[in-house]
Amino acid sequence: MATLLPHLSGSDKPLEFVVFGDCHFNDIDNPDSTILKKIVEEINRKNPDAEFAVNLGDIVVVEKNPVAYDKAIENYLKVIKNLKIPVYHVPGNHDMTNNEQIRKIYENKIGPLYYSVKKNNTLLIFLNSECLDESQIKWLRNQLEKPAKTKIVFIHKPVFPVSPVIPVYSNASDIKIPTQLRKILEEKNVDAVVSGHEHLFYMRKYGKILQVISGGAGAWLLPAPEGGKSMFHYCIVRVEDKKISVEANRINNGDKEKR
């Protein structure tokens, strides 16, 4: 049974974990017939060495109604409880609104909005892309001062967006966010940033920063840029002595993938 926010210890041994994003559960989903159910089964069967999983956000797609939101979260939890490793989460734009009741449901049933842990001499930072205010930015800078051989940031919205279909940072204030984040990540020698939001798989290095986009855990798929893939999937990430390798594992789902 999956547990949320376990305590992680530090060492220099290799680290392996899995990531997936954009499940898009709603309040009438059948938990026995979802892409995420197949992902959970695949991870349990194929990735016994994975130490934990990261959900990259947009757990749900019914963020305007607290009753529907709560039911969608419950539908998600019915599926994810079958995962045999711990799960970490970052909130997505569909998981967060200005509604205080919805925020409390998320915090009570999923976990904190941003936090960090350290595992195997790797610093893991989980951000809330939906409220990157000065308080969180200050916290991020302080966290990145911690000693670690490898630093990885998880955030729902990509710092380097690649899809022209879904606007990532649309208004004037939002547009400042990726520029500010890029500068901080570069200054603090972050090795990788892992995100969802764009419903595809894409991996590219920007300077010294490796960005991985994994948004194929159930939402409708987007066309991928050259070098990427439009597919349902999850990723296996391996970290050893600052070397980060990423493998995307495709999940077949018949006609739904042709949308």
Protein backbone atom coordinates (compact mmCIF):
# COMPACT_ATOMS: atom_id res chain seq x y z
CA MET A 1 0.00 0.00 0.00
CA ALA A 2 1.36 3.39 -0.94
CA THR A 3 2.18 5.82 1.85
CA LEU A 4 2.61 9.56 1.49
CA LEU A 5 5.70 11.54 2.48
CA PRO A 6 7.95 8.87 4.02
CA HIS A 7 11.17 9.77 5.80
CA LEU A 8 14.17 9.35 3.51
CA SER A 9 17.74 8.82 4.67
CA GLY A 10 20.98 9.81 2.97
CA SER A 11 23.76 7.70 1.46
CA ASP A 12 25.84 7.50 -1.71
CA LYS A 13 24.19 4.40 -3.16
CA PRO A 14 22.46 4.65 -6.57
CA LEU A 15 18.90 5.95 -6.56
CA GLU A 16 16.05 4.72 -8.74
CA PHE A 17 12.51 6.12 -8.77
CA VAL A 18 9.56 6.54 -11.14
CA VAL A 19 7.59 9.61 -12.24
CA PHE A 20 4.25 10.18 -13.95
CA GLY A 21 1.89 13.12 -14.36
CA ASP A 22 -1.52 14.39 -15.44
CA CYS A 23 -3.84 11.58 -14.33
CA HIS A 24 -6.89 13.87 -14.72
CA PHE A 25 -9.29 11.94 -12.49
CA ASN A 26 -12.88 13.12 -12.21
CA ASP A 27 -15.72 12.34 -9.83
CA ILE A 28 -17.23 9.59 -12.00
CA ASP A 29 -14.07 7.74 -13.03
CA ASN A 30 -14.12 3.98 -12.69
CA PRO A 31 -10.89 3.32 -10.75
CA ASP A 32 -10.59 -0.12 -12.37
CA SER A 33 -10.24 1.21 -15.93
CA THR A 34 -7.71 4.01 -15.90
CA ILE A 35 -4.29 4.56 -17.42
CA LEU A 36 -2.97 5.07 -13.91
CA LYS A 37 -4.16 1.60 -12.88
CA LYS A 38 -2.04 0.16 -15.69
CA ILE A 39 0.91 2.32 -14.68
CA VAL A 40 0.66 1.07 -11.08
CA GLU A 41 0.56 -2.53 -12.28
CA GLU A 42 3.55 -1.99 -14.57
CA ILE A 43 5.65 -0.35 -11.85
CA ASN A 44 4.85 -3.11 -9.37
CA ARG A 45 5.80 -5.75 -11.93
CA LYS A 46 8.71 -4.18 -13.81
CA ASN A 47 10.43 -1.83 -11.37
CA PRO A 48 11.12 -3.65 -8.10
CA ASP A 49 14.20 -1.51 -7.46
CA ALA A 50 12.30 1.80 -7.54
CA GLU A 51 12.36 3.40 -4.08
CA PHE A 52 9.48 5.82 -4.58
CA ALA A 53 7.18 7.43 -7.15
CA VAL A 54 6.48 11.09 -7.93
CA ASN A 55 3.13 12.29 -9.24
CA LEU A 56 3.85 15.49 -11.19
CA GLY A 57 0.43 17.06 -10.71
CA ASP A 58 -3.04 17.42 -12.17
CA ILE A 59 -4.31 14.49 -10.17
CA VAL A 60 -7.85 15.67 -10.90
CA VAL A 61 -9.65 17.69 -13.57
CA VAL A 62 -12.67 18.94 -11.57
CA GLU A 63 -11.18 21.80 -9.58
CA LYS A 64 -14.20 24.11 -9.47
CA ASN A 65 -16.54 22.07 -7.25
CA PRO A 66 -15.28 20.93 -3.82
CA VAL A 67 -17.69 17.97 -3.69
CA ALA A 68 -16.64 16.68 -7.12
CA TYR A 69 -13.00 17.47 -6.30
CA ASP A 70 -13.13 15.41 -3.11
CA LYS A 71 -14.68 12.45 -4.95
CA ALA A 72 -12.06 12.67 -7.70
CA ILE A 73 -9.28 12.64 -5.12
CA GLU A 74 -10.86 9.55 -3.54
CA ASN A 75 -11.00 7.85 -6.96
CA TYR A 76 -7.29 8.57 -7.37
CA LEU A 77 -6.42 7.26 -3.91
CA LYS A 78 -8.27 3.99 -4.59
CA VAL A 79 -5.88 3.34 -7.46
CA ILE A 80 -2.62 4.66 -6.03
CA LYS A 81 -3.03 2.70 -2.78
CA ASN A 82 -2.08 -0.42 -4.76
CA LEU A 83 1.37 0.92 -5.58
CA LYS A 84 3.98 -0.91 -3.52
CA ILE A 85 6.26 2.09 -3.04
CA PRO A 86 5.78 5.52 -1.42
CA VAL A 87 4.35 8.38 -3.48
CA TYR A 88 5.32 12.05 -3.49
CA HIS A 89 3.15 14.72 -5.11
CA VAL A 90 3.36 18.22 -6.53
CA PRO A 91 0.11 20.14 -7.12
CA GLY A 92 -0.95 20.99 -10.67
CA ASN A 93 -3.15 23.77 -12.01
CA HIS A 94 -6.22 21.49 -11.85
CA ASP A 95 -5.38 20.57 -8.24
CA MET A 96 -5.22 24.17 -7.01
CA THR A 97 -7.71 27.04 -7.13
CA ASN A 98 -8.39 30.06 -4.96
CA ASN A 99 -10.99 27.97 -3.13
CA GLU A 100 -9.81 27.46 0.46
CA GLN A 101 -11.92 24.32 0.82
CA ILE A 102 -10.24 22.67 -2.16
CA ARG A 103 -6.78 23.57 -0.88
CA LYS A 104 -7.61 21.96 2.47
CA ILE A 105 -8.85 18.80 0.77
CA TYR A 106 -5.54 18.57 -1.11
CA GLU A 107 -3.42 19.15 1.98
CA ASN A 108 -5.45 16.75 4.12
CA LYS A 109 -5.60 13.90 1.61
CA ILE A 110 -2.49 14.36 -0.52
CA GLY A 111 0.06 16.40 1.43
CA PRO A 112 1.88 19.74 1.69
CA LEU A 113 2.04 22.16 -1.23
CA TYR A 114 5.84 22.27 -1.31
CA TYR A 115 8.60 20.49 0.61
CA SER A 116 11.97 18.78 0.22
CA VAL A 117 13.59 15.48 1.16
CA LYS A 118 17.07 14.04 0.81
CA LYS A 119 17.75 10.53 -0.42
CA ASN A 120 21.06 8.85 -1.25
CA ASN A 121 22.90 12.20 -1.27
CA THR A 122 20.32 13.52 -3.74
CA LEU A 123 18.28 16.58 -2.76
CA LEU A 124 14.68 16.32 -3.99
CA ILE A 125 12.63 19.54 -4.03
CA PHE A 126 8.89 19.54 -4.69
CA LEU A 127 7.39 22.90 -5.71
CA ASN A 128 3.91 24.36 -6.07
CA SER A 129 3.90 25.95 -9.53
CA GLU A 130 0.44 27.44 -8.89
CA CYS A 131 1.61 29.87 -6.22
CA LEU A 132 5.26 30.66 -6.71
CA ASP A 133 5.20 33.66 -4.41
CA GLU A 134 8.16 35.34 -2.73
CA SER A 135 7.80 33.11 0.31
CA GLN A 136 8.19 29.93 -1.72
CA ILE A 137 11.02 31.41 -3.81
CA LYS A 138 12.91 32.35 -0.65
CA TRP A 139 12.33 28.85 0.72
CA LEU A 140 13.60 27.36 -2.57
CA ARG A 141 16.81 29.37 -2.45
CA ASN A 142 17.44 28.24 1.12
CA GLN A 143 16.77 24.60 0.29
CA LEU A 144 19.18 24.67 -2.63
CA GLU A 145 21.95 25.77 -0.28
CA LYS A 146 21.85 22.34 1.39
CA PRO A 147 24.83 20.12 0.56
CA ALA A 148 24.01 17.37 -1.93
CA LYS A 149 25.81 15.61 -4.76
CA THR A 150 22.73 15.83 -7.01
CA LYS A 151 19.82 18.30 -6.96
CA ILE A 152 16.49 17.55 -8.64
CA VAL A 153 13.44 19.84 -8.70
CA PHE A 154 9.91 18.56 -9.34
CA ILE A 155 7.27 21.04 -10.51
CA HIS A 156 4.03 20.66 -12.45
CA LYS A 157 4.56 23.33 -15.12
CA PRO A 158 7.75 23.03 -17.19
CA VAL A 159 10.45 25.62 -16.69
CA PHE A 160 11.20 25.24 -20.42
CA PRO A 161 7.78 24.71 -22.11
CA VAL A 162 7.78 22.88 -25.44
CA SER A 163 4.15 22.52 -26.57
CA PRO A 164 2.34 25.29 -28.51
CA VAL A 165 -1.05 23.69 -27.72
CA ILE A 166 -1.36 24.21 -23.95
CA PRO A 167 -0.33 27.68 -22.69
CA VAL A 168 1.96 27.20 -19.72
CA TYR A 169 2.57 30.80 -18.66
CA SER A 170 -0.08 32.97 -20.28
CA ASN A 171 -0.38 36.31 -18.51
CA ALA A 172 2.23 38.99 -17.84
CA SER A 173 2.89 38.00 -14.23
CA ASP A 174 3.14 34.28 -15.06
CA ILE A 175 5.66 34.88 -17.82
CA LYS A 176 8.17 36.10 -15.23
CA ILE A 177 8.03 32.75 -13.40
CA PRO A 178 10.08 30.52 -15.73
CA THR A 179 12.71 33.23 -16.23
CA GLN A 180 13.11 33.61 -12.47
CA LEU A 181 13.20 29.85 -11.92
CA ARG A 182 15.75 29.26 -14.66
CA LYS A 183 18.07 31.81 -13.09
CA ILE A 184 17.77 30.24 -9.64
CA LEU A 185 18.24 26.69 -10.92
CA GLU A 186 21.33 27.71 -12.88
CA GLU A 187 22.82 29.70 -9.98
CA LYS A 188 22.27 26.87 -7.51
CA ASN A 189 23.63 24.16 -9.82
CA VAL A 190 20.42 22.12 -10.09
CA ASP A 191 21.01 19.01 -12.16
CA ALA A 192 17.46 18.27 -13.35
CA VAL A 193 13.91 19.62 -13.31
CA VAL A 194 11.05 17.14 -13.80
CA SER A 195 7.57 18.32 -14.73
CA GLY A 196 4.21 17.41 -16.22
CA HIS A 197 1.42 19.71 -17.53
CA GLU A 198 2.26 19.15 -21.19
CA HIS A 199 0.63 15.82 -22.09
CA LEU A 200 3.60 14.13 -23.73
CA PHE A 201 7.11 12.83 -23.08
CA TYR A 202 10.07 15.05 -23.83
CA MET A 203 13.60 15.25 -22.49
CA ARG A 204 16.29 17.79 -23.29
CA LYS A 205 19.27 19.45 -21.66
CA TYR A 206 19.22 23.24 -21.35
CA GLY A 207 22.76 24.25 -20.49
CA LYS A 208 23.63 22.07 -17.51
CA ILE A 209 19.99 21.43 -16.55
CA LEU A 210 18.22 18.31 -17.75
CA GLN A 211 14.47 18.85 -18.13
CA VAL A 212 12.11 15.87 -18.28
CA ILE A 213 8.42 16.33 -19.15
CA SER A 214 6.18 13.39 -18.29
CA GLY A 215 2.48 14.12 -18.72
CA GLY A 216 1.11 10.81 -19.96
CA ALA A 217 -0.73 9.25 -17.02
CA GLY A 218 -4.27 9.57 -18.34
CA ALA A 219 -5.00 13.02 -19.78
CA TRP A 220 -5.64 13.48 -23.51
CA LEU A 221 -2.35 13.48 -25.39
CA LEU A 222 -0.67 16.37 -27.20
CA PRO A 223 1.54 16.26 -30.30
CA ALA A 224 5.16 16.04 -29.19
CA PRO A 225 7.99 18.12 -30.64
CA GLU A 226 10.77 16.38 -32.55
CA GLY A 227 12.62 14.04 -30.23
CA GLY A 228 9.62 13.57 -27.94
CA LYS A 229 6.73 11.12 -27.90
CA SER A 230 2.96 11.52 -27.67
CA MET A 231 2.10 8.48 -25.56
CA PHE A 232 0.70 7.26 -22.26
CA HIS A 233 3.69 6.41 -20.12
CA TYR A 234 5.66 6.71 -16.93
CA CYS A 235 9.42 7.28 -16.55
CA ILE A 236 12.10 5.38 -14.67
CA VAL A 237 14.81 7.72 -13.36
CA ARG A 238 18.19 6.47 -12.17
CA VAL A 239 20.75 8.63 -10.36
CA GLU A 240 24.31 7.48 -9.77
CA ASP A 241 27.25 9.75 -8.97
CA LYS A 242 25.55 12.81 -10.58
CA LYS A 243 24.69 10.84 -13.72
CA ILE A 244 20.93 10.91 -14.39
CA SER A 245 19.35 8.51 -16.85
CA VAL A 246 15.68 8.49 -17.84
CA GLU A 247 13.68 5.75 -19.56
CA ALA A 248 10.09 6.24 -20.70
CA ASN A 249 7.89 3.15 -20.40
CA ARG A 250 4.96 3.22 -22.83
CA ILE A 251 1.47 2.21 -21.65
CA ASN A 252 -0.81 0.96 -24.43
CA ASN A 253 -4.49 1.78 -24.18
CA GLY A 254 -6.11 0.90 -27.49
CA ASP A 255 -8.10 3.57 -29.27
CA LYS A 256 -7.83 6.17 -26.51
CA GLU A 257 -4.21 6.82 -27.49
CA LYS A 258 -5.31 7.87 -31.00
CA ARG A 259 -7.13 10.98 -29.78
